[in-house]
Amino acid sequence: MSAGEPGSVVRRMLLGSQLRRLREARGITREAAGYSIRASESKISRMELGRVSFKTRDVEDLLTLYGITDEQERASLLSLAREANVAGWWHSYSDVLPSWFPTYVGLEGAATLIRVYEVQFVHGLLQTEAYARAVVERGMKGASEADIEKRVALRLERQKYLADEDGPELHIVLDEAALRRPYGDREVMRGQLQHLIEVSQRPNVRLQVMPFGFGGHSGESGAFTILSFPDADLLDVVYLEQLTSALYLDKREDVAQYEKALKELQQDSPGPDESRDLLRGLLQLS
């Protein structure tokens, strides 16, 4: 992968998972590992989850602590550490993004399966340019036109993953509220609905709409995203966005709860064909 692709995120996660396995095999605590590299237990946790960059010296010291003396094995892991530190293409947008979001962009780009429930607005991967601009303008009140355009450009760049021949699978349930809540004028909303009808017919997109008429459902806690990755060593991650931060959950029991909620949403929502009919009905009313 080039520096412009999300490979660095996958490499960080792979290196982190390998370091975790080596530590656990030696029966070494995170606290002891942190002490060996003059860092905290939480720093080791973040390294093992692939959430931070790696200093070569830290990786060398950890490998020594874990008893890895084979030069070829050490060289392989240190090479992985160097490759993991390559900045992703989204780095140039960091000045207009909240501090927690670049991590999500990297994870999203590395995922092979993206499962989503959205209630507030159409998910960023499915937004038209005009709709995206309306959403960004609403969320960045007082921002300069240049900053708004830069955020919109990032959103459109993210969508290229979905259109790639080897792009991820996107399974999404949109609450009807997201489709009825207006962003932009009538033409913007009509264009967005038409776009959803078209994109929902792509082979890698499964789009369902949870209608108002169903009443209460398993998505009552709000929007969430579940990201799955190509390597069996990489755990699924649940992404929850908040007003001033975001949560990344990867404990199996946490992920399982969100998978259960999404499965129920998918079972309770009309299927893709019926959902397209619902979208066409909304388009006629708009």
C-alpha atoms as a PDB file:
ATOM      1  CA  MET A   1       0.000   0.000   0.000  1.00  0.00           C
ATOM      2  CA  SER A   2       1.111   3.552  -0.655  1.00  0.00           C
ATOM      3  CA  ALA A   3       1.302   6.290   1.960  1.00  0.00           C
ATOM      4  CA  GLY A   4      -2.039   7.524   0.695  1.00  0.00           C
ATOM      5  CA  GLU A   5      -3.814   4.309   1.647  1.00  0.00           C
ATOM      6  CA  PRO A   6      -4.990   3.090   5.048  1.00  0.00           C
ATOM      7  CA  GLY A   7      -2.291   0.414   5.315  1.00  0.00           C
ATOM      8  CA  SER A   8      -0.512   2.180   8.151  1.00  0.00           C
ATOM      9  CA  VAL A   9      -3.552   1.715  10.409  1.00  0.00           C
ATOM     10  CA  VAL A  10      -3.708  -2.018   9.685  1.00  0.00           C
ATOM     11  CA  ARG A  11       0.026  -2.337  10.326  1.00  0.00           C
ATOM     12  CA  ARG A  12      -0.289  -0.551  13.677  1.00  0.00           C
ATOM     13  CA  MET A  13      -3.083  -2.878  14.682  1.00  0.00           C
ATOM     14  CA  LEU A  14      -1.179  -5.971  13.537  1.00  0.00           C
ATOM     15  CA  LEU A  15       1.991  -4.914  15.328  1.00  0.00           C
ATOM     16  CA  GLY A  16       0.017  -4.110  18.461  1.00  0.00           C
ATOM     17  CA  SER A  17      -1.701  -7.507  18.447  1.00  0.00           C
ATOM     18  CA  GLN A  18       1.633  -9.287  17.982  1.00  0.00           C
ATOM     19  CA  LEU A  19       3.215  -7.342  20.843  1.00  0.00           C
ATOM     20  CA  ARG A  20       0.246  -8.238  23.044  1.00  0.00           C
ATOM     21  CA  ARG A  21       0.612 -11.946  22.246  1.00  0.00           C
ATOM     22  CA  LEU A  22       4.341 -11.865  22.972  1.00  0.00           C
ATOM     23  CA  ARG A  23       3.768 -10.104  26.288  1.00  0.00           C
ATOM     24  CA  GLU A  24       1.041 -12.494  27.374  1.00  0.00           C
ATOM     25  CA  ALA A  25       3.128 -15.517  26.363  1.00  0.00           C
ATOM     26  CA  ARG A  26       5.849 -14.372  28.777  1.00  0.00           C
ATOM     27  CA  GLY A  27       3.343 -13.624  31.544  1.00  0.00           C
ATOM     28  CA  ILE A  28       4.366  -9.956  31.692  1.00  0.00           C
ATOM     29  CA  THR A  29       1.848  -7.360  32.874  1.00  0.00           C
ATOM     30  CA  ARG A  30       1.128  -4.163  30.984  1.00  0.00           C
ATOM     31  CA  GLU A  31       2.434  -2.263  33.977  1.00  0.00           C
ATOM     32  CA  ALA A  32       5.794  -4.066  33.821  1.00  0.00           C
ATOM     33  CA  ALA A  33       5.982  -3.582  30.063  1.00  0.00           C
ATOM     34  CA  GLY A  34       5.277   0.124  30.479  1.00  0.00           C
ATOM     35  CA  TYR A  35       7.974   0.455  33.124  1.00  0.00           C
ATOM     36  CA  SER A  36      10.535  -1.057  30.731  1.00  0.00           C
ATOM     37  CA  ILE A  37       9.966   1.700  28.177  1.00  0.00           C
ATOM     38  CA  ARG A  38       9.400   4.534  30.655  1.00  0.00           C
ATOM     39  CA  ALA A  39       5.674   4.648  29.886  1.00  0.00           C
ATOM     40  CA  SER A  40       2.348   3.993  31.596  1.00  0.00           C
ATOM     41  CA  GLU A  41       0.201   0.882  31.542  1.00  0.00           C
ATOM     42  CA  SER A  42      -2.368   2.807  29.471  1.00  0.00           C
ATOM     43  CA  LYS A  43       0.316   3.601  26.877  1.00  0.00           C
ATOM     44  CA  ILE A  44       1.002  -0.121  26.461  1.00  0.00           C
ATOM     45  CA  SER A  45      -2.740  -0.707  26.108  1.00  0.00           C
ATOM     46  CA  ARG A  46      -2.986   1.943  23.370  1.00  0.00           C
ATOM     47  CA  MET A  47       0.049   0.466  21.588  1.00  0.00           C
ATOM     48  CA  GLU A  48      -1.433  -3.031  21.664  1.00  0.00           C
ATOM     49  CA  LEU A  49      -4.687  -1.708  20.235  1.00  0.00           C
ATOM     50  CA  GLY A  50      -2.821   0.099  17.449  1.00  0.00           C
ATOM     51  CA  ARG A  51      -4.117   3.508  18.528  1.00  0.00           C
ATOM     52  CA  VAL A  52      -0.745   5.281  18.719  1.00  0.00           C
ATOM     53  CA  SER A  53       2.423   5.476  16.662  1.00  0.00           C
ATOM     54  CA  PHE A  54       5.428   3.352  17.624  1.00  0.00           C
ATOM     55  CA  LYS A  55       8.915   4.535  18.529  1.00  0.00           C
ATOM     56  CA  THR A  56      11.534   2.143  17.210  1.00  0.00           C
ATOM     57  CA  ARG A  57      13.411   2.251  20.514  1.00  0.00           C
ATOM     58  CA  ASP A  58      10.247   1.283  22.438  1.00  0.00           C
ATOM     59  CA  VAL A  59       9.587  -1.687  20.162  1.00  0.00           C
ATOM     60  CA  GLU A  60      13.228  -2.799  20.462  1.00  0.00           C
ATOM     61  CA  ASP A  61      13.073  -2.622  24.260  1.00  0.00           C
ATOM     62  CA  LEU A  62       9.775  -4.513  24.394  1.00  0.00           C
ATOM     63  CA  LEU A  63      11.075  -7.262  22.111  1.00  0.00           C
ATOM     64  CA  THR A  64      14.098  -7.642  24.378  1.00  0.00           C
ATOM     65  CA  LEU A  65      11.842  -7.797  27.440  1.00  0.00           C
ATOM     66  CA  TYR A  66       9.707 -10.442  25.733  1.00  0.00           C
ATOM     67  CA  GLY A  67      12.763 -12.573  24.963  1.00  0.00           C
ATOM     68  CA  ILE A  68      12.751 -12.105  21.197  1.00  0.00           C
ATOM     69  CA  THR A  69      16.407 -12.516  20.216  1.00  0.00           C
ATOM     70  CA  ASP A  70      16.099 -13.916  16.703  1.00  0.00           C
ATOM     71  CA  GLU A  71      17.413 -11.176  14.430  1.00  0.00           C
ATOM     72  CA  GLN A  72      15.087 -12.007  11.555  1.00  0.00           C
ATOM     73  CA  GLU A  73      12.001 -11.873  13.773  1.00  0.00           C
ATOM     74  CA  ARG A  74      13.137  -8.628  15.363  1.00  0.00           C
ATOM     75  CA  ALA A  75      13.881  -7.080  11.957  1.00  0.00           C
ATOM     76  CA  SER A  76      10.436  -8.061  10.655  1.00  0.00           C
ATOM     77  CA  LEU A  77       8.616  -6.465  13.587  1.00  0.00           C
ATOM     78  CA  LEU A  78      10.766  -3.339  13.536  1.00  0.00           C
ATOM     79  CA  SER A  79      10.103  -2.941   9.819  1.00  0.00           C
ATOM     80  CA  LEU A  80       6.391  -3.228  10.554  1.00  0.00           C
ATOM     81  CA  ALA A  81       6.779  -0.482  13.174  1.00  0.00           C
ATOM     82  CA  ARG A  82       8.435   1.871  10.686  1.00  0.00           C
ATOM     83  CA  GLU A  83       5.765   1.229   8.040  1.00  0.00           C
ATOM     84  CA  ALA A  84       3.019   1.722  10.648  1.00  0.00           C
ATOM     85  CA  ASN A  85       4.188   5.266  11.292  1.00  0.00           C
ATOM     86  CA  VAL A  86       3.606   6.468   7.719  1.00  0.00           C
ATOM     87  CA  ALA A  87       0.985   9.231   7.782  1.00  0.00           C
ATOM     88  CA  GLY A  88      -2.277   8.458   5.996  1.00  0.00           C
ATOM     89  CA  TRP A  89      -3.735  10.619   3.235  1.00  0.00           C
ATOM     90  CA  TRP A  90      -6.184  12.121   5.742  1.00  0.00           C
ATOM     91  CA  HIS A  91      -3.331  13.725   7.695  1.00  0.00           C
ATOM     92  CA  SER A  92      -3.574  16.831   5.497  1.00  0.00           C
ATOM     93  CA  TYR A  93      -7.171  17.343   6.713  1.00  0.00           C
ATOM     94  CA  SER A  94      -6.318  17.144  10.422  1.00  0.00           C
ATOM     95  CA  ASP A  95      -6.592  20.911  10.887  1.00  0.00           C
ATOM     96  CA  VAL A  96     -10.364  20.805  10.276  1.00  0.00           C
ATOM     97  CA  LEU A  97     -11.124  17.541  12.065  1.00  0.00           C
ATOM     98  CA  PRO A  98     -11.837  16.849  15.741  1.00  0.00           C
ATOM     99  CA  SER A  99      -8.859  15.144  17.374  1.00  0.00           C
ATOM    100  CA  TRP A 100     -10.507  11.717  17.569  1.00  0.00           C
ATOM    101  CA  PHE A 101     -11.749  11.504  13.973  1.00  0.00           C
ATOM    102  CA  PRO A 102      -8.532  10.779  11.996  1.00  0.00           C
ATOM    103  CA  THR A 103      -8.332   7.449  13.843  1.00  0.00           C
ATOM    104  CA  TYR A 104     -11.823   6.610  12.610  1.00  0.00           C
ATOM    105  CA  VAL A 105     -10.988   7.556   9.012  1.00  0.00           C
ATOM    106  CA  GLY A 106      -8.024   5.199   9.104  1.00  0.00           C
ATOM    107  CA  LEU A 107     -10.072   2.364  10.580  1.00  0.00           C
ATOM    108  CA  GLU A 108     -12.891   2.918   8.096  1.00  0.00           C
ATOM    109  CA  GLY A 109     -10.473   2.804   5.190  1.00  0.00           C
ATOM    110  CA  ALA A 110      -8.911  -0.415   6.450  1.00  0.00           C
ATOM    111  CA  ALA A 111     -12.213  -2.233   7.052  1.00  0.00           C
ATOM    112  CA  THR A 112     -13.617  -4.895   4.750  1.00  0.00           C
ATOM    113  CA  LEU A 113     -17.066  -4.765   6.360  1.00  0.00           C
ATOM    114  CA  ILE A 114     -18.731  -1.625   7.714  1.00  0.00           C
ATOM    115  CA  ARG A 115     -22.014  -2.082   9.583  1.00  0.00           C
ATOM    116  CA  VAL A 116     -23.933   1.040  10.546  1.00  0.00           C
ATOM    117  CA  TYR A 117     -27.052   2.315  12.212  1.00  0.00           C
ATOM    118  CA  GLU A 118     -27.673   6.034  11.636  1.00  0.00           C
ATOM    119  CA  VAL A 119     -30.506   8.202  12.905  1.00  0.00           C
ATOM    120  CA  GLN A 120     -29.505  11.873  12.697  1.00  0.00           C
ATOM    121  CA  PHE A 121     -28.565  12.167   9.038  1.00  0.00           C
ATOM    122  CA  VAL A 122     -27.457  10.108   6.044  1.00  0.00           C
ATOM    123  CA  HIS A 123     -24.114   8.424   6.738  1.00  0.00           C
ATOM    124  CA  GLY A 124     -21.072  10.226   5.356  1.00  0.00           C
ATOM    125  CA  LEU A 125     -20.202   7.425   2.923  1.00  0.00           C
ATOM    126  CA  LEU A 126     -23.580   7.875   1.212  1.00  0.00           C
ATOM    127  CA  GLN A 127     -23.913  11.676   1.179  1.00  0.00           C
ATOM    128  CA  THR A 128     -24.036  13.735  -1.987  1.00  0.00           C
ATOM    129  CA  GLU A 129     -21.696  16.705  -2.174  1.00  0.00           C
ATOM    130  CA  ALA A 130     -24.551  19.200  -1.731  1.00  0.00           C
ATOM    131  CA  TYR A 131     -26.020  17.310   1.229  1.00  0.00           C
ATOM    132  CA  ALA A 132     -22.569  16.911   2.802  1.00  0.00           C
ATOM    133  CA  ARG A 133     -21.980  20.656   2.513  1.00  0.00           C
ATOM    134  CA  ALA A 134     -25.301  21.373   4.225  1.00  0.00           C
ATOM    135  CA  VAL A 135     -24.440  18.968   7.065  1.00  0.00           C
ATOM    136  CA  VAL A 136     -20.947  20.417   7.511  1.00  0.00           C
ATOM    137  CA  GLU A 137     -22.214  24.005   7.456  1.00  0.00           C
ATOM    138  CA  ARG A 138     -24.708  23.106  10.183  1.00  0.00           C
ATOM    139  CA  GLY A 139     -22.047  21.418  12.283  1.00  0.00           C
ATOM    140  CA  MET A 140     -19.308  24.031  11.773  1.00  0.00           C
ATOM    141  CA  LYS A 141     -21.156  27.260  12.393  1.00  0.00           C
ATOM    142  CA  GLY A 142     -18.823  30.223  12.090  1.00  0.00           C
ATOM    143  CA  ALA A 143     -16.159  28.267  10.187  1.00  0.00           C
ATOM    144  CA  SER A 144     -14.532  29.767   7.112  1.00  0.00           C
ATOM    145  CA  GLU A 145     -15.683  28.721   3.664  1.00  0.00           C
ATOM    146  CA  ALA A 146     -12.248  27.179   3.072  1.00  0.00           C
ATOM    147  CA  ASP A 147     -12.519  24.976   6.168  1.00  0.00           C
ATOM    148  CA  ILE A 148     -16.023  23.880   5.227  1.00  0.00           C
ATOM    149  CA  GLU A 149     -14.923  22.960   1.715  1.00  0.00           C
ATOM    150  CA  LYS A 150     -11.958  21.043   3.106  1.00  0.00           C
ATOM    151  CA  ARG A 151     -14.217  18.983   5.381  1.00  0.00           C
ATOM    152  CA  VAL A 152     -16.567  18.272   2.445  1.00  0.00           C
ATOM    153  CA  ALA A 153     -13.582  17.225   0.319  1.00  0.00           C
ATOM    154  CA  LEU A 154     -12.524  14.742   2.989  1.00  0.00           C
ATOM    155  CA  ARG A 155     -16.014  13.238   3.062  1.00  0.00           C
ATOM    156  CA  LEU A 156     -15.990  12.778  -0.703  1.00  0.00           C
ATOM    157  CA  GLU A 157     -12.488  11.284  -0.554  1.00  0.00           C
ATOM    158  CA  ARG A 158     -13.686   8.709   1.994  1.00  0.00           C
ATOM    159  CA  GLN A 159     -16.414   7.639  -0.412  1.00  0.00           C
ATOM    160  CA  LYS A 160     -13.830   6.490  -2.956  1.00  0.00           C
ATOM    161  CA  TYR A 161     -13.202   3.405  -0.806  1.00  0.00           C
ATOM    162  CA  LEU A 162     -16.793   2.317  -1.331  1.00  0.00           C
ATOM    163  CA  ALA A 163     -16.591   2.712  -5.116  1.00  0.00           C
ATOM    164  CA  ASP A 164     -13.330   0.757  -5.478  1.00  0.00           C
ATOM    165  CA  GLU A 165     -13.494  -2.654  -7.114  1.00  0.00           C
ATOM    166  CA  ASP A 166     -12.189  -4.206  -3.888  1.00  0.00           C
ATOM    167  CA  GLY A 167     -14.083  -1.763  -1.667  1.00  0.00           C
ATOM    168  CA  PRO A 168     -15.669  -2.782   1.632  1.00  0.00           C
ATOM    169  CA  GLU A 169     -19.112  -4.218   2.188  1.00  0.00           C
ATOM    170  CA  LEU A 170     -21.443  -1.589   3.656  1.00  0.00           C
ATOM    171  CA  HIS A 171     -24.484  -2.833   5.554  1.00  0.00           C
ATOM    172  CA  ILE A 172     -26.453   0.136   6.802  1.00  0.00           C
ATOM    173  CA  VAL A 173     -29.773   0.754   8.480  1.00  0.00           C
ATOM    174  CA  LEU A 174     -30.989   4.334   8.175  1.00  0.00           C
ATOM    175  CA  ASP A 175     -33.729   5.477  10.484  1.00  0.00           C
ATOM    176  CA  GLU A 176     -36.541   7.183   8.584  1.00  0.00           C
ATOM    177  CA  ALA A 177     -35.808  10.274  10.708  1.00  0.00           C
ATOM    178  CA  ALA A 178     -32.480  10.645   8.887  1.00  0.00           C
ATOM    179  CA  LEU A 179     -34.326  10.785   5.582  1.00  0.00           C
ATOM    180  CA  ARG A 180     -37.022  13.226   6.634  1.00  0.00           C
ATOM    181  CA  ARG A 181     -34.829  15.687   8.521  1.00  0.00           C
ATOM    182  CA  PRO A 182     -33.975  18.390   5.946  1.00  0.00           C
ATOM    183  CA  TYR A 183     -30.405  19.463   5.318  1.00  0.00           C
ATOM    184  CA  GLY A 184     -30.234  22.037   2.589  1.00  0.00           C
ATOM    185  CA  ASP A 185     -33.168  22.975   0.383  1.00  0.00           C
ATOM    186  CA  ARG A 186     -35.719  20.789  -1.392  1.00  0.00           C
ATOM    187  CA  GLU A 187     -33.450  20.055  -4.339  1.00  0.00           C
ATOM    188  CA  VAL A 188     -30.610  18.987  -2.040  1.00  0.00           C
ATOM    189  CA  MET A 189     -32.882  16.508  -0.295  1.00  0.00           C
ATOM    190  CA  ARG A 190     -34.302  15.203  -3.559  1.00  0.00           C
ATOM    191  CA  GLY A 191     -30.791  14.703  -4.893  1.00  0.00           C
ATOM    192  CA  GLN A 192     -29.817  12.853  -1.730  1.00  0.00           C
ATOM    193  CA  LEU A 193     -32.788  10.501  -1.887  1.00  0.00           C
ATOM    194  CA  GLN A 194     -32.126   9.756  -5.558  1.00  0.00           C
ATOM    195  CA  HIS A 195     -28.479   9.067  -4.753  1.00  0.00           C
ATOM    196  CA  LEU A 196     -29.468   6.605  -2.028  1.00  0.00           C
ATOM    197  CA  ILE A 197     -31.724   4.741  -4.469  1.00  0.00           C
ATOM    198  CA  GLU A 198     -28.858   4.459  -6.946  1.00  0.00           C
ATOM    199  CA  VAL A 199     -26.072   3.570  -4.507  1.00  0.00           C
ATOM    200  CA  SER A 200     -28.256   0.981  -2.765  1.00  0.00           C
ATOM    201  CA  GLN A 201     -28.114  -1.084  -5.959  1.00  0.00           C
ATOM    202  CA  ARG A 202     -24.340  -1.512  -5.779  1.00  0.00           C
ATOM    203  CA  PRO A 203     -23.355  -5.118  -5.068  1.00  0.00           C
ATOM    204  CA  ASN A 204     -21.336  -4.168  -1.954  1.00  0.00           C
ATOM    205  CA  VAL A 205     -24.073  -2.005  -0.392  1.00  0.00           C
ATOM    206  CA  ARG A 206     -27.010  -3.312   1.644  1.00  0.00           C
ATOM    207  CA  LEU A 207     -29.259  -0.403   2.581  1.00  0.00           C
ATOM    208  CA  GLN A 208     -32.330  -0.756   4.770  1.00  0.00           C
ATOM    209  CA  VAL A 209     -34.674   1.848   6.210  1.00  0.00           C
ATOM    210  CA  MET A 210     -36.172   1.550   9.691  1.00  0.00           C
ATOM    211  CA  PRO A 211     -39.622   3.140   9.251  1.00  0.00           C
ATOM    212  CA  PHE A 212     -41.382   5.296  11.822  1.00  0.00           C
ATOM    213  CA  GLY A 213     -44.280   2.888  11.755  1.00  0.00           C
ATOM    214  CA  PHE A 214     -42.303   0.139  13.453  1.00  0.00           C
ATOM    215  CA  GLY A 215     -42.128   2.041  16.739  1.00  0.00           C
ATOM    216  CA  GLY A 216     -39.452   1.277  19.343  1.00  0.00           C
ATOM    217  CA  HIS A 217     -36.507  -0.873  18.273  1.00  0.00           C
ATOM    218  CA  SER A 218     -33.026  -2.085  19.264  1.00  0.00           C
ATOM    219  CA  GLY A 219     -31.320   1.111  18.049  1.00  0.00           C
ATOM    220  CA  GLU A 220     -32.734   3.163  20.906  1.00  0.00           C
ATOM    221  CA  SER A 221     -29.272   4.064  22.247  1.00  0.00           C
ATOM    222  CA  GLY A 222     -28.381   5.965  19.065  1.00  0.00           C
ATOM    223  CA  ALA A 223     -26.087   5.708  16.060  1.00  0.00           C
ATOM    224  CA  PHE A 224     -23.138   3.328  15.953  1.00  0.00           C
ATOM    225  CA  THR A 225     -20.692   1.766  13.510  1.00  0.00           C
ATOM    226  CA  ILE A 226     -19.079  -1.692  13.620  1.00  0.00           C
ATOM    227  CA  LEU A 227     -15.836  -2.089  11.661  1.00  0.00           C
ATOM    228  CA  SER A 228     -14.429  -5.494  10.660  1.00  0.00           C
ATOM    229  CA  PHE A 229     -10.960  -6.051   9.179  1.00  0.00           C
ATOM    230  CA  PRO A 230      -9.362  -8.508   6.755  1.00  0.00           C
ATOM    231  CA  ASP A 231      -6.834 -10.035   9.156  1.00  0.00           C
ATOM    232  CA  ALA A 232      -8.144 -12.636  11.606  1.00  0.00           C
ATOM    233  CA  ASP A 233      -5.864 -11.175  14.297  1.00  0.00           C
ATOM    234  CA  LEU A 234      -7.696  -7.845  14.216  1.00  0.00           C
ATOM    235  CA  LEU A 235     -10.689  -7.486  16.504  1.00  0.00           C
ATOM    236  CA  ASP A 236     -13.905  -5.799  15.365  1.00  0.00           C
ATOM    237  CA  VAL A 237     -14.265  -2.224  16.595  1.00  0.00           C
ATOM    238  CA  VAL A 238     -17.448  -0.362  17.545  1.00  0.00           C
ATOM    239  CA  TYR A 239     -17.281   3.392  16.958  1.00  0.00           C
ATOM    240  CA  LEU A 240     -19.522   5.701  18.978  1.00  0.00           C
ATOM    241  CA  GLU A 241     -19.309   9.426  18.275  1.00  0.00           C
ATOM    242  CA  GLN A 242     -20.112  11.933  21.007  1.00  0.00           C
ATOM    243  CA  LEU A 243     -20.266  15.717  21.113  1.00  0.00           C
ATOM    244  CA  THR A 244     -16.669  16.271  22.283  1.00  0.00           C
ATOM    245  CA  SER A 245     -15.065  12.847  21.849  1.00  0.00           C
ATOM    246  CA  ALA A 246     -15.541   9.331  20.520  1.00  0.00           C
ATOM    247  CA  LEU A 247     -15.427   5.816  21.946  1.00  0.00           C
ATOM    248  CA  TYR A 248     -13.730   2.863  20.277  1.00  0.00           C
ATOM    249  CA  LEU A 249     -14.929  -0.427  21.795  1.00  0.00           C
ATOM    250  CA  ASP A 250     -13.241  -3.719  20.971  1.00  0.00           C
ATOM    251  CA  LYS A 251     -13.979  -5.975  23.936  1.00  0.00           C
ATOM    252  CA  ARG A 252     -15.763  -9.013  22.551  1.00  0.00           C
ATOM    253  CA  GLU A 253     -18.677  -8.691  24.955  1.00  0.00           C
ATOM    254  CA  ASP A 254     -19.227  -5.033  23.983  1.00  0.00           C
ATOM    255  CA  VAL A 255     -18.999  -5.728  20.260  1.00  0.00           C
ATOM    256  CA  ALA A 256     -21.382  -8.666  20.633  1.00  0.00           C
ATOM    257  CA  GLN A 257     -24.062  -6.409  22.135  1.00  0.00           C
ATOM    258  CA  TYR A 258     -23.884  -4.001  19.197  1.00  0.00           C
ATOM    259  CA  GLU A 259     -23.852  -6.851  16.692  1.00  0.00           C
ATOM    260  CA  LYS A 260     -26.996  -8.206  18.331  1.00  0.00           C
ATOM    261  CA  ALA A 261     -28.665  -4.776  18.166  1.00  0.00           C
ATOM    262  CA  LEU A 262     -27.788  -4.359  14.488  1.00  0.00           C
ATOM    263  CA  LYS A 263     -28.961  -7.861  13.619  1.00  0.00           C
ATOM    264  CA  GLU A 264     -32.312  -7.090  15.223  1.00  0.00           C
ATOM    265  CA  LEU A 265     -32.510  -3.782  13.340  1.00  0.00           C
ATOM    266  CA  GLN A 266     -31.858  -5.615  10.080  1.00  0.00           C
ATOM    267  CA  GLN A 267     -34.475  -8.250  10.883  1.00  0.00           C
ATOM    268  CA  ASP A 268     -37.082  -5.677  11.884  1.00  0.00           C
ATOM    269  CA  SER A 269     -36.501  -3.297   8.953  1.00  0.00           C
ATOM    270  CA  PRO A 270     -37.867  -3.843   5.452  1.00  0.00           C
ATOM    271  CA  GLY A 271     -35.392  -5.594   3.144  1.00  0.00           C
ATOM    272  CA  PRO A 272     -33.269  -3.722   0.566  1.00  0.00           C
ATOM    273  CA  ASP A 273     -35.891  -3.905  -2.200  1.00  0.00           C
ATOM    274  CA  GLU A 274     -38.720  -2.722   0.058  1.00  0.00           C
ATOM    275  CA  SER A 275     -36.451  -0.023   1.466  1.00  0.00           C
ATOM    276  CA  ARG A 276     -35.791   1.250  -2.057  1.00  0.00           C
ATOM    277  CA  ASP A 277     -39.544   1.461  -2.554  1.00  0.00           C
ATOM    278  CA  LEU A 278     -39.775   3.480   0.661  1.00  0.00           C
ATOM    279  CA  LEU A 279     -37.068   5.811  -0.660  1.00  0.00           C
ATOM    280  CA  ARG A 280     -38.946   6.232  -3.930  1.00  0.00           C
ATOM    281  CA  GLY A 281     -42.087   7.091  -1.983  1.00  0.00           C
ATOM    282  CA  LEU A 282     -40.230   9.747   0.004  1.00  0.00           C
ATOM    283  CA  LEU A 283     -38.772  11.115  -3.236  1.00  0.00           C
ATOM    284  CA  GLN A 284     -42.256  11.514  -4.716  1.00  0.00           C
ATOM    285  CA  LEU A 285     -43.400  13.369  -1.594  1.00  0.00           C
ATOM    286  CA  SER A 286     -40.407  15.726  -1.512  1.00  0.00           C
END
